[in-house]
Amino acid sequence: AAEVVEEEKDDFATPESPPQPKFDGITDEEYSELEKRSQIFRAYLMSNVMPTLTHGMLEVIKSKPKDPIDFLSNYLIVQGKLVERKAEAAAFLQFQGMLAKLKAYNESEARAVNAGANEDSDED
């Protein structure tokens, strides 16, 4: 009788990547372009949406509200307003900084004009 020898599995081996789906009528170049664009979208979602959404979902788990969807939607609305306020504050501070630079520039220009005028009057 033939013996069946099982291959030893390495529990720490890197899993094989899942097969890439193929779409009818799409060339490999088009598929590569779609994949590149989806990476951009995924990166955007991972950095801008997922942190807040994850925190909201954790709050749902902690609070166990009767209506978790309503709870999560309210959480996201509040977080959106906080983000808006932070952006407004940052824009205001940036504007204030630009005004300060403009004022300093205008003052230095005025001093330069006055210095030039004083030199002209000294020559007379």
Foldseek 3Di string as FASTA:
>chain_A
DDDDDDDDDDPPDDDDDDDDDDDPPADPVNVVVVVVVVVVVVVCCVVPPVVQLVVLVVVCVVVVDPDSVVSSVVSVVVVVVVVVVVVVVVVVVVVVVVVVVVVVVVVVVVVVVVVVVVVVVVVD
